[in-house]
Amino acid sequence: MASRPAAAETDLERPLVSVVIAAYDIAEYLPDAIDSALAQTYPNVEVVVVNDGSTDDTAAILERYGDRIVTVTQENRGLASARNSGIRAARGELIGLLDGDDLWLPERLTKLVPVLEARPDLGMVTSDSFMMDETVATTRHLYREQRKRPFPESEDLQIAEIACYNFMFVSVVFRRELVDRFGMFTDGMRRAEDYELWTRYLIGGTRAGFVDEPLGYYRIRAGSLSRTGEQAAAHQAVLQQYLPQLWKLGARGNARDSYEIGTRLAAAGDRRAALPFFVHSLTGEGARVSRLKYAASSLRRLVWPTGAA
């Protein structure tokens, strides 16, 4: 169920950006996220908020915004499904993702959209962001200080990088045509759903732009999905699906990821599927001594799948 605001006078010569906010029981933070989207200096914006079956005050909060936002209400189906519902309700040529506990600085879209306007070959763009510890804003930069790996310096390196690490901060602005060509988020995924989508889009041939400037706040919460121990397993599930295609495009991947995926497949009795992962654990990124260890262990696991490493 969706409600849509009345048409407003905007600069219709600029692409409409639909900012999609998925919300589930984050009423404490949601008004800040919505307000930051409504406060964008970019002249052609709609804000779509999906209430994904929240049990807190989310519904009452959304009612207060009236026709300033598009509201979508659904039973709880998870983040991927909520984002998909928002994309379906959106009218924009460009889609911007904003988590309900994050916020954007007013000029974020003003600085990101021109990158896509000037570069038709790019399908996505993001930026650096400040970090926020719970409710405390900091001056730490997500890419410069928090992440272990930077955004790839060259677009030619993006395939190699996505085979190792999700370099795309979730708050991405991307072209709707990518949805038309390669699909939306995979329904049912509750972790690493953004990693899966960006990997699919990059394999499809698009590339991402980057504005090396903090244009928002990324909130770290103790209970957020990105902080759970299951995130690493979800990351490897994406790699198990897409590494064979990434290898064909020249990516090496991480030796440890390939080895661990191969180990799980061998333990499940699928040694044929495990073999290419074990092979690529010898050529993937990682210390040479680790690759030698993986070589010996891989051979044992192919012969005795449940044996000791």
Protein backbone atom coordinates (compact mmCIF):
# COMPACT_ATOMS: atom_id res chain seq x y z
CA MET A 1 0.00 0.00 0.00
CA ALA A 2 1.49 3.35 -1.03
CA SER A 3 0.49 6.98 -0.70
CA ARG A 4 1.94 9.58 -3.03
CA PRO A 5 2.34 13.32 -2.55
CA ALA A 6 0.83 15.80 -4.93
CA ALA A 7 3.04 17.11 -7.73
CA ALA A 8 5.25 20.04 -6.79
CA GLU A 9 7.06 22.63 -8.83
CA THR A 10 10.66 21.51 -9.34
CA ASP A 11 13.46 21.89 -11.85
CA LEU A 12 12.13 19.24 -14.21
CA GLU A 13 15.10 19.58 -16.55
CA ARG A 14 17.25 17.72 -14.02
CA PRO A 15 16.78 13.97 -13.50
CA LEU A 16 14.31 13.08 -10.76
CA VAL A 17 16.08 11.33 -7.89
CA SER A 18 13.94 8.99 -5.80
CA VAL A 19 15.47 8.60 -2.36
CA VAL A 20 14.39 5.19 -1.02
CA ILE A 21 14.45 4.72 2.76
CA ALA A 22 13.65 1.30 4.20
CA ALA A 23 12.49 1.43 7.81
CA TYR A 24 12.01 -1.34 10.35
CA ASP A 25 11.75 -0.40 14.03
CA ILE A 26 14.14 2.54 13.83
CA ALA A 27 11.71 5.29 14.85
CA GLU A 28 14.42 6.83 17.03
CA TYR A 29 16.54 7.71 13.98
CA LEU A 30 14.06 7.81 11.10
CA PRO A 31 13.04 11.51 11.28
CA ASP A 32 16.67 12.59 10.90
CA ALA A 33 17.07 10.42 7.80
CA ILE A 34 13.84 11.69 6.20
CA ASP A 35 14.60 15.31 7.06
CA SER A 36 18.06 15.02 5.52
CA ALA A 37 16.56 13.70 2.28
CA LEU A 38 13.94 16.45 2.18
CA ALA A 39 16.61 19.08 2.83
CA GLN A 40 18.66 18.27 -0.28
CA THR A 41 19.69 21.33 -2.29
CA TYR A 42 19.28 19.32 -5.50
CA PRO A 43 16.08 20.62 -7.10
CA ASN A 44 14.24 17.46 -8.21
CA VAL A 45 13.79 14.90 -5.42
CA GLU A 46 11.09 12.59 -4.18
CA VAL A 47 11.41 10.70 -0.90
CA VAL A 48 9.99 7.17 -0.70
CA VAL A 49 9.82 5.57 2.76
CA VAL A 50 8.94 1.90 3.17
CA ASN A 51 7.55 0.85 6.53
CA ASP A 52 8.61 -2.79 6.59
CA GLY A 53 6.16 -4.01 9.22
CA SER A 54 7.53 -1.86 12.05
CA THR A 55 6.11 -2.39 15.52
CA ASP A 56 7.31 0.93 16.96
CA ASP A 57 6.15 4.49 16.21
CA THR A 58 7.23 4.44 12.55
CA ALA A 59 3.68 4.63 11.16
CA ALA A 60 2.84 7.68 13.29
CA ILE A 61 6.08 9.38 12.25
CA LEU A 62 5.34 8.87 8.56
CA GLU A 63 1.82 10.25 8.97
CA ARG A 64 3.29 13.51 10.25
CA TYR A 65 5.08 14.06 6.94
CA GLY A 66 1.83 13.88 5.00
CA ASP A 67 2.21 14.44 1.28
CA ARG A 68 5.86 15.51 1.56
CA ILE A 69 6.86 11.87 1.13
CA VAL A 70 5.69 8.73 -0.63
CA THR A 71 4.78 6.13 1.98
CA VAL A 72 4.78 2.38 1.32
CA THR A 73 3.48 0.02 4.01
CA GLN A 74 4.06 -3.74 3.98
CA GLU A 75 4.40 -6.71 6.29
CA ASN A 76 7.94 -7.33 7.48
CA ARG A 77 9.83 -9.01 4.66
CA GLY A 78 13.38 -7.80 5.25
CA LEU A 79 15.66 -5.10 3.90
CA ALA A 80 15.99 -6.38 0.33
CA SER A 81 12.24 -6.68 -0.12
CA ALA A 82 11.63 -3.27 1.47
CA ARG A 83 14.09 -1.59 -0.85
CA ASN A 84 12.51 -3.34 -3.83
CA SER A 85 9.08 -2.07 -2.78
CA GLY A 86 10.50 1.43 -2.59
CA ILE A 87 12.06 1.14 -6.04
CA ARG A 88 8.76 -0.07 -7.50
CA ALA A 89 6.96 2.93 -6.00
CA ALA A 90 9.62 5.39 -7.12
CA ARG A 91 9.26 7.50 -10.26
CA GLY A 92 12.85 8.68 -10.53
CA GLU A 93 15.29 8.16 -13.36
CA LEU A 94 17.85 7.88 -10.57
CA ILE A 95 17.48 5.88 -7.34
CA GLY A 96 19.27 6.87 -4.15
CA LEU A 97 19.47 4.50 -1.19
CA LEU A 98 19.45 5.96 2.30
CA ASP A 99 19.33 3.71 5.35
CA GLY A 100 16.78 4.78 7.91
CA ASP A 101 19.42 5.32 10.58
CA ASP A 102 21.83 7.30 8.39
CA LEU A 103 21.59 10.84 7.07
CA TRP A 104 22.82 12.96 4.19
CA LEU A 105 24.32 16.41 4.17
CA PRO A 106 22.18 18.87 2.15
CA GLU A 107 24.53 19.05 -0.84
CA ARG A 108 25.00 15.30 -1.34
CA LEU A 109 22.77 14.91 -4.39
CA THR A 110 23.92 18.25 -5.79
CA LYS A 111 27.44 16.82 -5.90
CA LEU A 112 26.65 13.23 -6.92
CA VAL A 113 24.10 13.66 -9.70
CA PRO A 114 26.42 15.72 -11.97
CA VAL A 115 28.87 12.80 -11.97
CA LEU A 116 26.23 10.62 -13.64
CA GLU A 117 25.11 13.44 -15.92
CA ALA A 118 28.67 13.95 -17.17
CA ARG A 119 29.50 10.24 -17.47
CA PRO A 120 26.82 8.18 -19.26
CA ASP A 121 29.13 5.18 -18.98
CA LEU A 122 28.82 5.18 -15.19
CA GLY A 123 25.77 3.52 -13.67
CA MET A 124 26.37 4.27 -9.98
CA VAL A 125 27.99 6.88 -7.78
CA THR A 126 28.66 7.23 -4.08
CA SER A 127 30.79 9.34 -1.76
CA ASP A 128 32.76 9.22 1.42
CA SER A 129 30.84 9.72 4.67
CA PHE A 130 31.45 10.77 8.23
CA MET A 131 31.02 8.12 10.93
CA MET A 132 28.45 8.36 13.71
CA ASP A 133 28.84 6.22 16.83
CA GLU A 134 25.25 5.59 17.91
CA THR A 135 24.17 9.24 18.37
CA VAL A 136 27.62 10.83 18.48
CA ALA A 137 28.77 12.46 15.24
CA THR A 138 32.50 12.15 14.57
CA THR A 139 34.95 13.56 12.05
CA ARG A 140 36.19 10.09 11.08
CA HIS A 141 35.86 9.31 7.37
CA LEU A 142 34.32 5.99 6.34
CA TYR A 143 36.70 5.40 3.43
CA ARG A 144 39.81 7.22 4.57
CA GLU A 145 39.91 5.95 8.15
CA GLN A 146 37.33 3.25 8.89
CA ARG A 147 37.51 0.84 5.97
CA LYS A 148 40.49 -1.43 5.46
CA ARG A 149 40.52 -0.85 1.70
CA PRO A 150 39.93 2.41 -0.19
CA PHE A 151 37.58 2.98 -3.09
CA PRO A 152 39.43 1.68 -6.21
CA GLU A 153 41.61 4.38 -7.75
CA SER A 154 40.74 3.24 -11.28
CA GLU A 155 37.48 2.00 -12.77
CA ASP A 156 39.54 -0.77 -14.37
CA LEU A 157 40.20 -2.15 -10.88
CA GLN A 158 36.58 -2.39 -9.78
CA ILE A 159 36.01 -5.96 -10.97
CA ALA A 160 39.13 -7.14 -9.15
CA GLU A 161 38.12 -5.27 -6.01
CA ILE A 162 34.50 -6.45 -5.85
CA ALA A 163 35.85 -10.03 -5.99
CA CYS A 164 37.50 -9.36 -2.62
CA TYR A 165 35.53 -6.68 -0.85
CA ASN A 166 32.35 -4.63 -1.10
CA PHE A 167 33.82 -1.23 -1.89
CA MET A 168 30.41 0.36 -2.45
CA PHE A 169 29.08 2.23 0.59
CA VAL A 170 25.38 1.28 0.67
CA SER A 171 24.25 4.88 0.16
CA VAL A 172 24.54 4.69 -3.62
CA VAL A 173 22.77 6.69 -6.32
CA PHE A 174 22.22 4.54 -9.41
CA ARG A 175 20.36 4.61 -12.70
CA ARG A 176 16.96 2.98 -12.86
CA GLU A 177 17.95 1.45 -16.18
CA LEU A 178 20.24 -0.91 -14.23
CA VAL A 179 17.14 -2.28 -12.51
CA ASP A 180 15.46 -2.74 -15.87
CA ARG A 181 18.50 -4.57 -17.28
CA PHE A 182 19.82 -6.57 -14.34
CA GLY A 183 17.06 -6.63 -11.72
CA MET A 184 16.54 -5.40 -8.18
CA PHE A 185 17.73 -6.74 -4.86
CA THR A 186 17.29 -10.47 -4.32
CA ASP A 187 14.16 -10.91 -2.19
CA GLY A 188 14.79 -12.84 0.99
CA MET A 189 18.39 -11.71 1.45
CA ARG A 190 18.82 -10.08 4.85
CA ARG A 191 22.58 -9.59 4.74
CA ALA A 192 25.04 -8.64 1.99
CA GLU A 193 22.10 -7.84 -0.31
CA ASP A 194 23.83 -4.65 -1.48
CA TYR A 195 27.08 -6.53 -2.14
CA GLU A 196 25.18 -9.01 -4.29
CA LEU A 197 23.49 -6.24 -6.29
CA TRP A 198 26.64 -4.18 -6.90
CA THR A 199 28.51 -7.33 -7.96
CA ARG A 200 25.74 -8.21 -10.41
CA TYR A 201 25.73 -4.69 -11.85
CA LEU A 202 29.53 -4.61 -12.24
CA ILE A 203 29.56 -8.00 -13.96
CA GLY A 204 26.88 -6.59 -16.27
CA GLY A 205 29.36 -3.98 -17.45
CA THR A 206 28.58 -0.80 -15.54
CA ARG A 207 31.08 1.02 -13.36
CA ALA A 208 30.85 3.27 -10.30
CA GLY A 209 31.92 6.85 -9.70
CA PHE A 210 33.16 8.25 -6.41
CA VAL A 211 33.17 11.70 -4.83
CA ASP A 212 36.02 11.75 -2.33
CA GLU A 213 34.25 13.98 0.16
CA PRO A 214 32.16 13.08 3.24
CA LEU A 215 28.58 13.97 2.27
CA GLY A 216 26.62 12.27 5.01
CA TYR A 217 26.78 10.28 8.25
CA TYR A 218 27.01 6.51 8.45
CA ARG A 219 25.74 5.33 11.83
CA ILE A 220 27.31 2.44 13.71
CA ARG A 221 24.82 0.74 16.03
CA ALA A 222 25.42 -2.25 18.27
CA GLY A 223 22.42 -4.11 16.83
CA SER A 224 22.81 -3.25 13.15
CA LEU A 225 22.96 -6.09 10.62
CA SER A 226 26.38 -5.03 9.35
CA ARG A 227 27.83 -5.63 12.83
CA THR A 228 26.75 -9.26 13.20
CA GLY A 229 29.02 -12.27 12.88
CA GLU A 230 26.82 -13.65 10.11
CA GLN A 231 27.85 -10.89 7.73
CA ALA A 232 31.07 -12.68 6.74
CA ALA A 233 29.14 -15.83 5.85
CA ALA A 234 26.74 -13.79 3.73
CA HIS A 235 29.71 -12.13 2.00
CA GLN A 236 31.12 -15.54 1.08
CA ALA A 237 27.73 -16.76 -0.13
CA VAL A 238 27.77 -13.91 -2.65
CA LEU A 239 31.29 -14.83 -3.71
CA GLN A 240 30.38 -18.50 -4.11
CA GLN A 241 27.71 -17.42 -6.58
CA TYR A 242 29.71 -14.85 -8.53
CA LEU A 243 33.43 -15.67 -8.29
CA PRO A 244 33.35 -18.01 -11.32
CA GLN A 245 32.07 -15.10 -13.45
CA LEU A 246 34.53 -12.67 -11.88
CA TRP A 247 37.43 -15.02 -12.58
CA LYS A 248 36.49 -15.02 -16.26
CA LEU A 249 36.65 -11.21 -16.19
CA GLY A 250 40.21 -11.32 -14.84
CA ALA A 251 39.62 -11.00 -11.08
CA ARG A 252 41.70 -13.12 -8.73
CA GLY A 253 39.64 -12.87 -5.58
CA ASN A 254 40.93 -13.46 -2.09
CA ALA A 255 42.80 -16.72 -1.51
CA ARG A 256 41.20 -17.26 1.88
CA ASP A 257 37.67 -16.76 0.57
CA SER A 258 38.22 -19.28 -2.20
CA TYR A 259 39.73 -21.79 0.19
CA GLU A 260 36.91 -21.49 2.74
CA ILE A 261 34.22 -21.77 0.08
CA GLY A 262 35.96 -24.84 -1.37
CA THR A 263 36.21 -26.36 2.10
CA ARG A 264 32.48 -26.00 2.69
CA LEU A 265 31.62 -27.46 -0.70
CA ALA A 266 33.95 -30.42 -0.19
CA ALA A 267 32.52 -31.08 3.28
CA ALA A 268 29.05 -31.11 1.73
CA GLY A 269 30.21 -33.78 -0.70
CA ASP A 270 30.44 -31.58 -3.82
CA ARG A 271 34.12 -31.99 -4.60
CA ARG A 272 33.61 -31.11 -8.26
CA ALA A 273 32.27 -27.68 -7.31
CA ALA A 274 34.99 -27.30 -4.67
CA LEU A 275 37.87 -27.91 -7.07
CA PRO A 276 37.92 -24.51 -8.88
CA PHE A 277 37.74 -22.70 -5.55
CA PHE A 278 40.69 -24.68 -4.24
CA VAL A 279 42.60 -23.96 -7.45
CA HIS A 280 41.95 -20.24 -7.17
CA SER A 281 42.98 -20.26 -3.51
CA LEU A 282 46.49 -20.80 -4.90
CA THR A 283 46.37 -17.75 -7.18
CA GLY A 284 44.18 -15.36 -5.21
CA GLU A 285 45.26 -12.35 -3.23
CA GLY A 286 47.03 -13.26 0.00
CA ALA A 287 50.39 -14.07 1.47
CA ARG A 288 52.41 -16.70 -0.38
CA VAL A 289 52.80 -18.78 2.77
CA SER A 290 49.02 -18.88 3.15
CA ARG A 291 48.57 -20.08 -0.42
CA LEU A 292 51.05 -22.89 0.17
CA LYS A 293 49.11 -23.89 3.27
CA TYR A 294 45.87 -23.81 1.30
CA ALA A 295 47.41 -26.01 -1.42
CA ALA A 296 48.29 -28.79 1.00
CA SER A 297 45.01 -28.55 2.91
CA SER A 298 42.94 -28.39 -0.29
CA LEU A 299 44.44 -31.63 -1.57
CA ARG A 300 43.63 -33.39 1.70
CA ARG A 301 40.07 -32.07 1.69
CA LEU A 302 39.48 -33.24 -1.88
CA VAL A 303 40.63 -36.72 -0.93
CA TRP A 304 39.14 -36.78 2.60
CA PRO A 305 36.48 -34.00 2.65
CA THR A 306 35.79 -34.33 6.37
CA GLY A 307 39.42 -34.82 7.36
CA ALA A 308 41.61 -32.40 9.28
CA ALA A 309 42.89 -29.26 7.57
